[in-house]
Amino acid sequence: MSFELIASKRVDLGTGASRRLRHAGQVPAVVYGAGKEAVSLVLDHNTMYYALKNESFHASVLDLVIDGQKEQVKVAAFQMHPYKQQVMHIDFTRV
């Protein structure tokens, strides 16, 4: 099964900016590795929430489309809210 995620680069960084994104129904994320610079991203919350419920999502190589450019990544880590059904943050590593 293949997964394709649509993301865009984040301009505003920091705690306040991340809170505003989460309140707007988006998830802050980071992609790093492969000797390249780390890139801060923003993804749609509902897409990520339901994808994370799928077991094969965690073990698959994903196609991450960042502003039109496709990269292959894997999920390195993710954080969920302690009691809400909310994804707080996701880390991806390049393949």
PDB file of N, CA and C in Angstrom:
ATOM      1  N   MET A   1       0.845  -1.170   0.000  1.00  0.00           N
ATOM      2  CA  MET A   1       0.000   0.000   0.000  1.00  0.00           C
ATOM      3  C   MET A   1       0.894   1.238   0.000  1.00  0.00           C
ATOM      4  N   SER A   2       0.573   2.200  -0.825  1.00  0.00           N
ATOM      5  CA  SER A   2       1.378   3.420  -0.896  1.00  0.00           C
ATOM      6  C   SER A   2       0.564   4.597  -0.356  1.00  0.00           C
ATOM      7  N   PHE A   3       1.270   5.489   0.280  1.00  0.00           N
ATOM      8  CA  PHE A   3       0.646   6.677   0.865  1.00  0.00           C
ATOM      9  C   PHE A   3       1.306   7.905   0.273  1.00  0.00           C
ATOM     10  N   GLU A   4       0.483   8.901  -0.044  1.00  0.00           N
ATOM     11  CA  GLU A   4       1.002  10.176  -0.523  1.00  0.00           C
ATOM     12  C   GLU A   4       0.431  11.276   0.363  1.00  0.00           C
ATOM     13  N   LEU A   5       1.320  12.061   0.936  1.00  0.00           N
ATOM     14  CA  LEU A   5       0.929  13.143   1.838  1.00  0.00           C
ATOM     15  C   LEU A   5       1.266  14.477   1.198  1.00  0.00           C
ATOM     16  N   ILE A   6       0.378  15.429   1.309  1.00  0.00           N
ATOM     17  CA  ILE A   6       0.580  16.771   0.781  1.00  0.00           C
ATOM     18  C   ILE A   6       0.970  17.683   1.946  1.00  0.00           C
ATOM     19  N   ALA A   7       2.098  18.364   1.803  1.00  0.00           N
ATOM     20  CA  ALA A   7       2.589  19.251   2.857  1.00  0.00           C
ATOM     21  C   ALA A   7       3.041  20.563   2.247  1.00  0.00           C
ATOM     22  N   SER A   8       3.176  21.554   3.101  1.00  0.00           N
ATOM     23  CA  SER A   8       3.754  22.824   2.678  1.00  0.00           C
ATOM     24  C   SER A   8       4.748  23.267   3.740  1.00  0.00           C
ATOM     25  N   LYS A   9       5.704  24.090   3.331  1.00  0.00           N
ATOM     26  CA  LYS A   9       6.727  24.563   4.256  1.00  0.00           C
ATOM     27  C   LYS A   9       6.126  25.564   5.232  1.00  0.00           C
ATOM     28  N   ARG A  10       6.648  25.527   6.460  1.00  0.00           N
ATOM     29  CA  ARG A  10       6.224  26.472   7.489  1.00  0.00           C
ATOM     30  C   ARG A  10       7.152  27.662   7.492  1.00  0.00           C
ATOM     31  N   VAL A  11       6.570  28.842   7.634  1.00  0.00           N
ATOM     32  CA  VAL A  11       7.357  30.065   7.736  1.00  0.00           C
ATOM     33  C   VAL A  11       7.480  30.456   9.209  1.00  0.00           C
ATOM     34  N   ASP A  12       6.361  30.455   9.910  1.00  0.00           N
ATOM     35  CA  ASP A  12       6.349  30.813  11.333  1.00  0.00           C
ATOM     36  C   ASP A  12       6.740  29.601  12.164  1.00  0.00           C
ATOM     37  N   LEU A  13       7.748  29.773  13.015  1.00  0.00           N
ATOM     38  CA  LEU A  13       8.207  28.695  13.876  1.00  0.00           C
ATOM     39  C   LEU A  13       7.991  29.081  15.331  1.00  0.00           C
ATOM     40  N   GLY A  14       8.005  28.108  16.215  1.00  0.00           N
ATOM     41  CA  GLY A  14       7.881  28.381  17.636  1.00  0.00           C
ATOM     42  C   GLY A  14       6.598  27.822  18.220  1.00  0.00           C
ATOM     43  N   THR A  15       6.498  27.933  19.528  1.00  0.00           N
ATOM     44  CA  THR A  15       5.369  27.378  20.262  1.00  0.00           C
ATOM     45  C   THR A  15       4.052  28.035  19.880  1.00  0.00           C
ATOM     46  N   GLY A  16       4.020  29.350  19.837  1.00  0.00           N
ATOM     47  CA  GLY A  16       2.775  30.060  19.519  1.00  0.00           C
ATOM     48  C   GLY A  16       2.285  29.751  18.122  1.00  0.00           C
ATOM     49  N   ALA A  17       3.210  29.692  17.170  1.00  0.00           N
ATOM     50  CA  ALA A  17       2.835  29.385  15.788  1.00  0.00           C
ATOM     51  C   ALA A  17       2.290  27.959  15.681  1.00  0.00           C
ATOM     52  N   SER A  18       2.904  27.024  16.403  1.00  0.00           N
ATOM     53  CA  SER A  18       2.433  25.635  16.393  1.00  0.00           C
ATOM     54  C   SER A  18       1.044  25.523  17.002  1.00  0.00           C
ATOM     55  N   ARG A  19       0.789  26.260  18.053  1.00  0.00           N
ATOM     56  CA  ARG A  19      -0.544  26.252  18.670  1.00  0.00           C
ATOM     57  C   ARG A  19      -1.597  26.800  17.722  1.00  0.00           C
ATOM     58  N   ARG A  20      -1.244  27.866  17.012  1.00  0.00           N
ATOM     59  CA  ARG A  20      -2.188  28.429  16.036  1.00  0.00           C
ATOM     60  C   ARG A  20      -2.485  27.432  14.917  1.00  0.00           C
ATOM     61  N   LEU A  21      -1.463  26.688  14.466  1.00  0.00           N
ATOM     62  CA  LEU A  21      -1.675  25.673  13.438  1.00  0.00           C
ATOM     63  C   LEU A  21      -2.617  24.584  13.932  1.00  0.00           C
ATOM     64  N   ARG A  22      -2.373  24.088  15.135  1.00  0.00           N
ATOM     65  CA  ARG A  22      -3.223  23.021  15.688  1.00  0.00           C
ATOM     66  C   ARG A  22      -4.657  23.493  15.851  1.00  0.00           C
ATOM     67  N   HIS A  23      -4.830  24.721  16.278  1.00  0.00           N
ATOM     68  CA  HIS A  23      -6.171  25.276  16.438  1.00  0.00           C
ATOM     69  C   HIS A  23      -6.882  25.401  15.089  1.00  0.00           C
ATOM     70  N   ALA A  24      -6.109  25.592  14.019  1.00  0.00           N
ATOM     71  CA  ALA A  24      -6.667  25.723  12.668  1.00  0.00           C
ATOM     72  C   ALA A  24      -6.844  24.370  11.977  1.00  0.00           C
ATOM     73  N   GLY A  25      -6.591  23.262  12.687  1.00  0.00           N
ATOM     74  CA  GLY A  25      -6.803  21.941  12.101  1.00  0.00           C
ATOM     75  C   GLY A  25      -5.620  21.442  11.294  1.00  0.00           C
ATOM     76  N   GLN A  26      -4.424  21.886  11.648  1.00  0.00           N
ATOM     77  CA  GLN A  26      -3.223  21.447  10.946  1.00  0.00           C
ATOM     78  C   GLN A  26      -2.226  20.876  11.947  1.00  0.00           C
ATOM     79  N   VAL A  27      -1.220  20.156  11.435  1.00  0.00           N
ATOM     80  CA  VAL A  27      -0.221  19.517  12.281  1.00  0.00           C
ATOM     81  C   VAL A  27       1.164  20.010  11.885  1.00  0.00           C
ATOM     82  N   PRO A  28       1.956  20.493  12.842  1.00  0.00           N
ATOM     83  CA  PRO A  28       3.350  20.821  12.529  1.00  0.00           C
ATOM     84  C   PRO A  28       4.166  19.541  12.389  1.00  0.00           C
ATOM     85  N   ALA A  29       5.136  19.568  11.484  1.00  0.00           N
ATOM     86  CA  ALA A  29       5.972  18.392  11.235  1.00  0.00           C
ATOM     87  C   ALA A  29       7.363  18.841  10.821  1.00  0.00           C
ATOM     88  N   VAL A  30       8.304  17.892  10.853  1.00  0.00           N
ATOM     89  CA  VAL A  30       9.676  18.144  10.431  1.00  0.00           C
ATOM     90  C   VAL A  30      10.146  16.950   9.617  1.00  0.00           C
ATOM     91  N   VAL A  31      10.880  17.225   8.535  1.00  0.00           N
ATOM     92  CA  VAL A  31      11.524  16.157   7.767  1.00  0.00           C
ATOM     93  C   VAL A  31      13.025  16.430   7.802  1.00  0.00           C
ATOM     94  N   TYR A  32      13.809  15.377   8.097  1.00  0.00           N
ATOM     95  CA  TYR A  32      15.254  15.539   8.213  1.00  0.00           C
ATOM     96  C   TYR A  32      15.953  14.278   7.734  1.00  0.00           C
ATOM     97  N   GLY A  33      17.278  14.341   7.646  1.00  0.00           N
ATOM     98  CA  GLY A  33      18.081  13.184   7.279  1.00  0.00           C
ATOM     99  C   GLY A  33      18.654  13.292   5.883  1.00  0.00           C
ATOM    100  N   ALA A  34      19.408  12.252   5.488  1.00  0.00           N
ATOM    101  CA  ALA A  34      20.031  12.112   4.166  1.00  0.00           C
ATOM    102  C   ALA A  34      21.019  13.240   3.875  1.00  0.00           C
ATOM    103  N   GLY A  35      21.611  13.815   4.919  1.00  0.00           N
ATOM    104  CA  GLY A  35      22.607  14.863   4.719  1.00  0.00           C
ATOM    105  C   GLY A  35      22.061  16.193   4.242  1.00  0.00           C
ATOM    106  N   LYS A  36      20.752  16.352   4.283  1.00  0.00           N
ATOM    107  CA  LYS A  36      20.124  17.602   3.862  1.00  0.00           C
ATOM    108  C   LYS A  36      19.654  18.384   5.083  1.00  0.00           C
ATOM    109  N   GLU A  37      19.335  19.632   4.846  1.00  0.00           N
ATOM    110  CA  GLU A  37      18.828  20.518   5.888  1.00  0.00           C
ATOM    111  C   GLU A  37      17.442  20.056   6.356  1.00  0.00           C
ATOM    112  N   ALA A  38      17.155  20.198   7.638  1.00  0.00           N
ATOM    113  CA  ALA A  38      15.827  19.892   8.166  1.00  0.00           C
ATOM    114  C   ALA A  38      14.833  20.929   7.659  1.00  0.00           C
ATOM    115  N   VAL A  39      13.620  20.481   7.346  1.00  0.00           N
ATOM    116  CA  VAL A  39      12.583  21.362   6.810  1.00  0.00           C
ATOM    117  C   VAL A  39      11.352  21.264   7.705  1.00  0.00           C
ATOM    118  N   SER A  40      10.847  22.400   8.149  1.00  0.00           N
ATOM    119  CA  SER A  40       9.617  22.451   8.940  1.00  0.00           C
ATOM    120  C   SER A  40       8.420  22.480   8.004  1.00  0.00           C
ATOM    121  N   LEU A  41       7.422  21.659   8.320  1.00  0.00           N
ATOM    122  CA  LEU A  41       6.262  21.487   7.445  1.00  0.00           C
ATOM    123  C   LEU A  41       4.965  21.672   8.208  1.00  0.00           C
ATOM    124  N   VAL A  42       3.897  21.749   7.448  1.00  0.00           N
ATOM    125  CA  VAL A  42       2.550  21.739   8.002  1.00  0.00           C
ATOM    126  C   VAL A  42       1.714  20.781   7.159  1.00  0.00           C
ATOM    127  N   LEU A  43       0.910  19.930   7.843  1.00  0.00           N
ATOM    128  CA  LEU A  43       0.066  18.927   7.200  1.00  0.00           C
ATOM    129  C   LEU A  43      -1.371  19.063   7.712  1.00  0.00           C
ATOM    130  N   ASP A  44      -2.313  18.490   6.981  1.00  0.00           N
ATOM    131  CA  ASP A  44      -3.710  18.474   7.402  1.00  0.00           C
ATOM    132  C   ASP A  44      -3.887  17.485   8.555  1.00  0.00           C
ATOM    133  N   HIS A  45      -4.571  17.902   9.611  1.00  0.00           N
ATOM    134  CA  HIS A  45      -4.707  17.059  10.792  1.00  0.00           C
ATOM    135  C   HIS A  45      -5.502  15.789  10.532  1.00  0.00           C
ATOM    136  N   ASN A  46      -6.686  15.901   9.941  1.00  0.00           N
ATOM    137  CA  ASN A  46      -7.534  14.723   9.773  1.00  0.00           C
ATOM    138  C   ASN A  46      -6.889  13.674   8.888  1.00  0.00           C
ATOM    139  N   THR A  47      -6.203  14.097   7.844  1.00  0.00           N
ATOM    140  CA  THR A  47      -5.492  13.153   6.982  1.00  0.00           C
ATOM    141  C   THR A  47      -4.454  12.381   7.786  1.00  0.00           C
ATOM    142  N   MET A  48      -3.684  13.084   8.613  1.00  0.00           N
ATOM    143  CA  MET A  48      -2.643  12.437   9.406  1.00  0.00           C
ATOM    144  C   MET A  48      -3.235  11.558  10.506  1.00  0.00           C
ATOM    145  N   TYR A  49      -4.285  12.013  11.144  1.00  0.00           N
ATOM    146  CA  TYR A  49      -4.898  11.245  12.233  1.00  0.00           C
ATOM    147  C   TYR A  49      -5.365   9.877  11.743  1.00  0.00           C
ATOM    148  N   TYR A  50      -6.079   9.857  10.627  1.00  0.00           N
ATOM    149  CA  TYR A  50      -6.591   8.590  10.122  1.00  0.00           C
ATOM    150  C   TYR A  50      -5.496   7.741   9.483  1.00  0.00           C
ATOM    151  N   ALA A  51      -4.478   8.367   8.925  1.00  0.00           N
ATOM    152  CA  ALA A  51      -3.355   7.608   8.383  1.00  0.00           C
ATOM    153  C   ALA A  51      -2.580   6.923   9.507  1.00  0.00           C
ATOM    154  N   LEU A  52      -2.403   7.592  10.630  1.00  0.00           N
ATOM    155  CA  LEU A  52      -1.669   7.010  11.755  1.00  0.00           C
ATOM    156  C   LEU A  52      -2.410   5.832  12.379  1.00  0.00           C
ATOM    157  N   LYS A  53      -3.704   5.754  12.196  1.00  0.00           N
ATOM    158  CA  LYS A  53      -4.470   4.605  12.692  1.00  0.00           C
ATOM    159  C   LYS A  53      -4.215   3.357  11.848  1.00  0.00           C
ATOM    160  N   ASN A  54      -3.729   3.540  10.615  1.00  0.00           N
ATOM    161  CA  ASN A  54      -3.443   2.420   9.729  1.00  0.00           C
ATOM    162  C   ASN A  54      -2.074   1.831  10.072  1.00  0.00           C
ATOM    163  N   GLU A  55      -2.030   0.550  10.374  1.00  0.00           N
ATOM    164  CA  GLU A  55      -0.804  -0.096  10.820  1.00  0.00           C
ATOM    165  C   GLU A  55       0.307  -0.065   9.774  1.00  0.00           C
ATOM    166  N   SER A  56      -0.032  -0.227   8.516  1.00  0.00           N
ATOM    167  CA  SER A  56       0.987  -0.257   7.471  1.00  0.00           C
ATOM    168  C   SER A  56       1.601   1.120   7.204  1.00  0.00           C
ATOM    169  N   PHE A  57       0.948   2.176   7.646  1.00  0.00           N
ATOM    170  CA  PHE A  57       1.470   3.530   7.482  1.00  0.00           C
ATOM    171  C   PHE A  57       2.800   3.702   8.204  1.00  0.00           C
ATOM    172  N   HIS A  58       2.939   3.089   9.365  1.00  0.00           N
ATOM    173  CA  HIS A  58       4.141   3.240  10.192  1.00  0.00           C
ATOM    174  C   HIS A  58       5.351   2.514   9.617  1.00  0.00           C
ATOM    175  N   ALA A  59       5.136   1.479   8.818  1.00  0.00           N
ATOM    176  CA  ALA A  59       6.240   0.680   8.288  1.00  0.00           C
ATOM    177  C   ALA A  59       6.519   0.944   6.812  1.00  0.00           C
ATOM    178  N   SER A  60       5.711   1.771   6.170  1.00  0.00           N
ATOM    179  CA  SER A  60       5.833   2.012   4.735  1.00  0.00           C
ATOM    180  C   SER A  60       6.738   3.186   4.424  1.00  0.00           C
ATOM    181  N   VAL A  61       7.268   3.170   3.211  1.00  0.00           N
ATOM    182  CA  VAL A  61       7.945   4.346   2.671  1.00  0.00           C
ATOM    183  C   VAL A  61       6.858   5.220   2.067  1.00  0.00           C
ATOM    184  N   LEU A  62       6.788   6.459   2.520  1.00  0.00           N
ATOM    185  CA  LEU A  62       5.723   7.372   2.127  1.00  0.00           C
ATOM    186  C   LEU A  62       6.216   8.359   1.085  1.00  0.00           C
ATOM    187  N   ASP A  63       5.332   8.803   0.219  1.00  0.00           N
ATOM    188  CA  ASP A  63       5.634   9.878  -0.724  1.00  0.00           C
ATOM    189  C   ASP A  63       5.127  11.180  -0.111  1.00  0.00           C
ATOM    190  N   LEU A  64       6.054  12.058   0.226  1.00  0.00           N
ATOM    191  CA  LEU A  64       5.719  13.339   0.828  1.00  0.00           C
ATOM    192  C   LEU A  64       5.911  14.428  -0.227  1.00  0.00           C
ATOM    193  N   VAL A  65       4.839  15.091  -0.599  1.00  0.00           N
ATOM    194  CA  VAL A  65       4.884  16.146  -1.605  1.00  0.00           C
ATOM    195  C   VAL A  65       4.963  17.484  -0.878  1.00  0.00           C
ATOM    196  N   ILE A  66       6.145  18.119  -0.969  1.00  0.00           N
ATOM    197  CA  ILE A  66       6.374  19.399  -0.293  1.00  0.00           C
ATOM    198  C   ILE A  66       6.395  20.495  -1.350  1.00  0.00           C
ATOM    199  N   ASP A  67       5.337  21.289  -1.393  1.00  0.00           N
ATOM    200  CA  ASP A  67       5.215  22.376  -2.371  1.00  0.00           C
ATOM    201  C   ASP A  67       5.520  21.898  -3.787  1.00  0.00           C
ATOM    202  N   GLY A  68       5.006  20.730  -4.160  1.00  0.00           N
ATOM    203  CA  GLY A  68       5.158  20.216  -5.517  1.00  0.00           C
ATOM    204  C   GLY A  68       6.328  19.289  -5.734  1.00  0.00           C
ATOM    205  N   GLN A  69       7.274  19.201  -4.803  1.00  0.00           N
ATOM    206  CA  GLN A  69       8.426  18.307  -4.956  1.00  0.00           C
ATOM    207  C   GLN A  69       8.216  17.073  -4.090  1.00  0.00           C
ATOM    208  N   LYS A  70       8.408  15.897  -4.698  1.00  0.00           N
ATOM    209  CA  LYS A  70       8.156  14.639  -4.019  1.00  0.00           C
ATOM    210  C   LYS A  70       9.436  14.106  -3.372  1.00  0.00           C
ATOM    211  N   GLU A  71       9.322  13.676  -2.117  1.00  0.00           N
ATOM    212  CA  GLU A  71      10.420  13.032  -1.388  1.00  0.00           C
ATOM    213  C   GLU A  71       9.892  11.755  -0.771  1.00  0.00           C
ATOM    214  N   GLN A  72      10.760  10.767  -0.623  1.00  0.00           N
ATOM    215  CA  GLN A  72      10.380   9.530   0.048  1.00  0.00           C
ATOM    216  C   GLN A  72      10.845   9.602   1.496  1.00  0.00           C
ATOM    217  N   VAL A  73       9.914   9.330   2.402  1.00  0.00           N
ATOM    218  CA  VAL A  73      10.190   9.457   3.834  1.00  0.00           C
ATOM    219  C   VAL A  73       9.569   8.287   4.595  1.00  0.00           C
ATOM    220  N   LYS A  74       9.978   8.143   5.849  1.00  0.00           N
ATOM    221  CA  LYS A  74       9.352   7.221   6.795  1.00  0.00           C
ATOM    222  C   LYS A  74       9.012   8.006   8.052  1.00  0.00           C
ATOM    223  N   VAL A  75       8.022   7.533   8.790  1.00  0.00           N
ATOM    224  CA  VAL A  75       7.651   8.171  10.044  1.00  0.00           C
ATOM    225  C   VAL A  75       8.698   7.802  11.086  1.00  0.00           C
ATOM    226  N   ALA A  76       9.355   8.802  11.659  1.00  0.00           N
ATOM    227  CA  ALA A  76      10.358   8.567  12.700  1.00  0.00           C
ATOM    228  C   ALA A  76       9.695   8.572  14.078  1.00  0.00           C
ATOM    229  N   ALA A  77       8.838   9.552  14.312  1.00  0.00           N
ATOM    230  CA  ALA A  77       8.152   9.671  15.604  1.00  0.00           C
ATOM    231  C   ALA A  77       6.926  10.551  15.434  1.00  0.00           C
ATOM    232  N   PHE A  78       5.975  10.380  16.332  1.00  0.00           N
ATOM    233  CA  PHE A  78       4.814  11.274  16.355  1.00  0.00           C
ATOM    234  C   PHE A  78       4.362  11.417  17.796  1.00  0.00           C
ATOM    235  N   GLN A  79       3.698  12.517  18.066  1.00  0.00           N
ATOM    236  CA  GLN A  79       3.215  12.804  19.416  1.00  0.00           C
ATOM    237  C   GLN A  79       1.716  13.062  19.362  1.00  0.00           C
ATOM    238  N   MET A  80       1.012  12.439  20.295  1.00  0.00           N
ATOM    239  CA  MET A  80      -0.429  12.620  20.409  1.00  0.00           C
ATOM    240  C   MET A  80      -0.736  13.398  21.687  1.00  0.00           C
ATOM    241  N   HIS A  81      -1.869  14.082  21.698  1.00  0.00           N
ATOM    242  CA  HIS A  81      -2.327  14.768  22.897  1.00  0.00           C
ATOM    243  C   HIS A  81      -2.664  13.708  23.951  1.00  0.00           C
ATOM    244  N   PRO A  82      -2.412  13.983  25.245  1.00  0.00           N
ATOM    245  CA  PRO A  82      -2.634  12.970  26.277  1.00  0.00           C
ATOM    246  C   PRO A  82      -4.062  12.436  26.371  1.00  0.00           C
ATOM    247  N   TYR A  83      -5.063  13.279  26.154  1.00  0.00           N
ATOM    248  CA  TYR A  83      -6.428  12.762  26.287  1.00  0.00           C
ATOM    249  C   TYR A  83      -7.352  13.141  25.135  1.00  0.00           C
ATOM    250  N   LYS A  84      -6.972  14.065  24.283  1.00  0.00           N
ATOM    251  CA  LYS A  84      -7.771  14.402  23.106  1.00  0.00           C
ATOM    252  C   LYS A  84      -7.338  13.526  21.939  1.00  0.00           C
ATOM    253  N   GLN A  85      -8.196  13.387  20.972  1.00  0.00           N
ATOM    254  CA  GLN A  85      -7.830  12.670  19.755  1.00  0.00           C
ATOM    255  C   GLN A  85      -7.196  13.671  18.800  1.00  0.00           C
ATOM    256  N   GLN A  86      -5.965  14.054  19.126  1.00  0.00           N
ATOM    257  CA  GLN A  86      -5.280  15.093  18.359  1.00  0.00           C
ATOM    258  C   GLN A  86      -3.810  14.737  18.193  1.00  0.00           C
ATOM    259  N   VAL A  87      -3.332  14.847  16.950  1.00  0.00           N
ATOM    260  CA  VAL A  87      -1.912  14.656  16.654  1.00  0.00           C
ATOM    261  C   VAL A  87      -1.227  15.986  16.939  1.00  0.00           C
ATOM    262  N   MET A  88      -0.166  15.950  17.750  1.00  0.00           N
ATOM    263  CA  MET A  88       0.527  17.174  18.141  1.00  0.00           C
ATOM    264  C   MET A  88       1.693  17.502  17.211  1.00  0.00           C
ATOM    265  N   HIS A  89       2.445  16.483  16.793  1.00  0.00           N
ATOM    266  CA  HIS A  89       3.650  16.723  15.988  1.00  0.00           C
ATOM    267  C   HIS A  89       4.082  15.417  15.333  1.00  0.00           C
ATOM    268  N   ILE A  90       4.730  15.508  14.152  1.00  0.00           N
ATOM    269  CA  ILE A  90       5.232  14.329  13.448  1.00  0.00           C
ATOM    270  C   ILE A  90       6.634  14.612  12.944  1.00  0.00           C
ATOM    271  N   ASP A  91       7.516  13.631  13.088  1.00  0.00           N
ATOM    272  CA  ASP A  91       8.875  13.688  12.536  1.00  0.00           C
ATOM    273  C   ASP A  91       8.984  12.649  11.432  1.00  0.00           C
ATOM    274  N   PHE A  92       9.545  13.070  10.304  1.00  0.00           N
ATOM    275  CA  PHE A  92       9.808  12.169   9.189  1.00  0.00           C
ATOM    276  C   PHE A  92      11.309  12.121   8.926  1.00  0.00           C
ATOM    277  N   THR A  93      11.813  10.968   8.482  1.00  0.00           N
ATOM    278  CA  THR A  93      13.207  10.874   8.030  1.00  0.00           C
ATOM    279  C   THR A  93      13.211  10.536   6.553  1.00  0.00           C
ATOM    280  N   ARG A  94      14.141  11.141   5.825  1.00  0.00           N
ATOM    281  CA  ARG A  94      14.259  10.875   4.388  1.00  0.00           C
ATOM    282  C   ARG A  94      14.848   9.485   4.172  1.00  0.00           C
ATOM    283  N   VAL A  95      14.419   8.845   3.111  1.00  0.00           N
ATOM    284  CA  VAL A  95      14.926   7.521   2.746  1.00  0.00           C
ATOM    285  C   VAL A  95      15.991   7.688   1.701  1.00  0.00           C
TER     286      VAL A  95
END
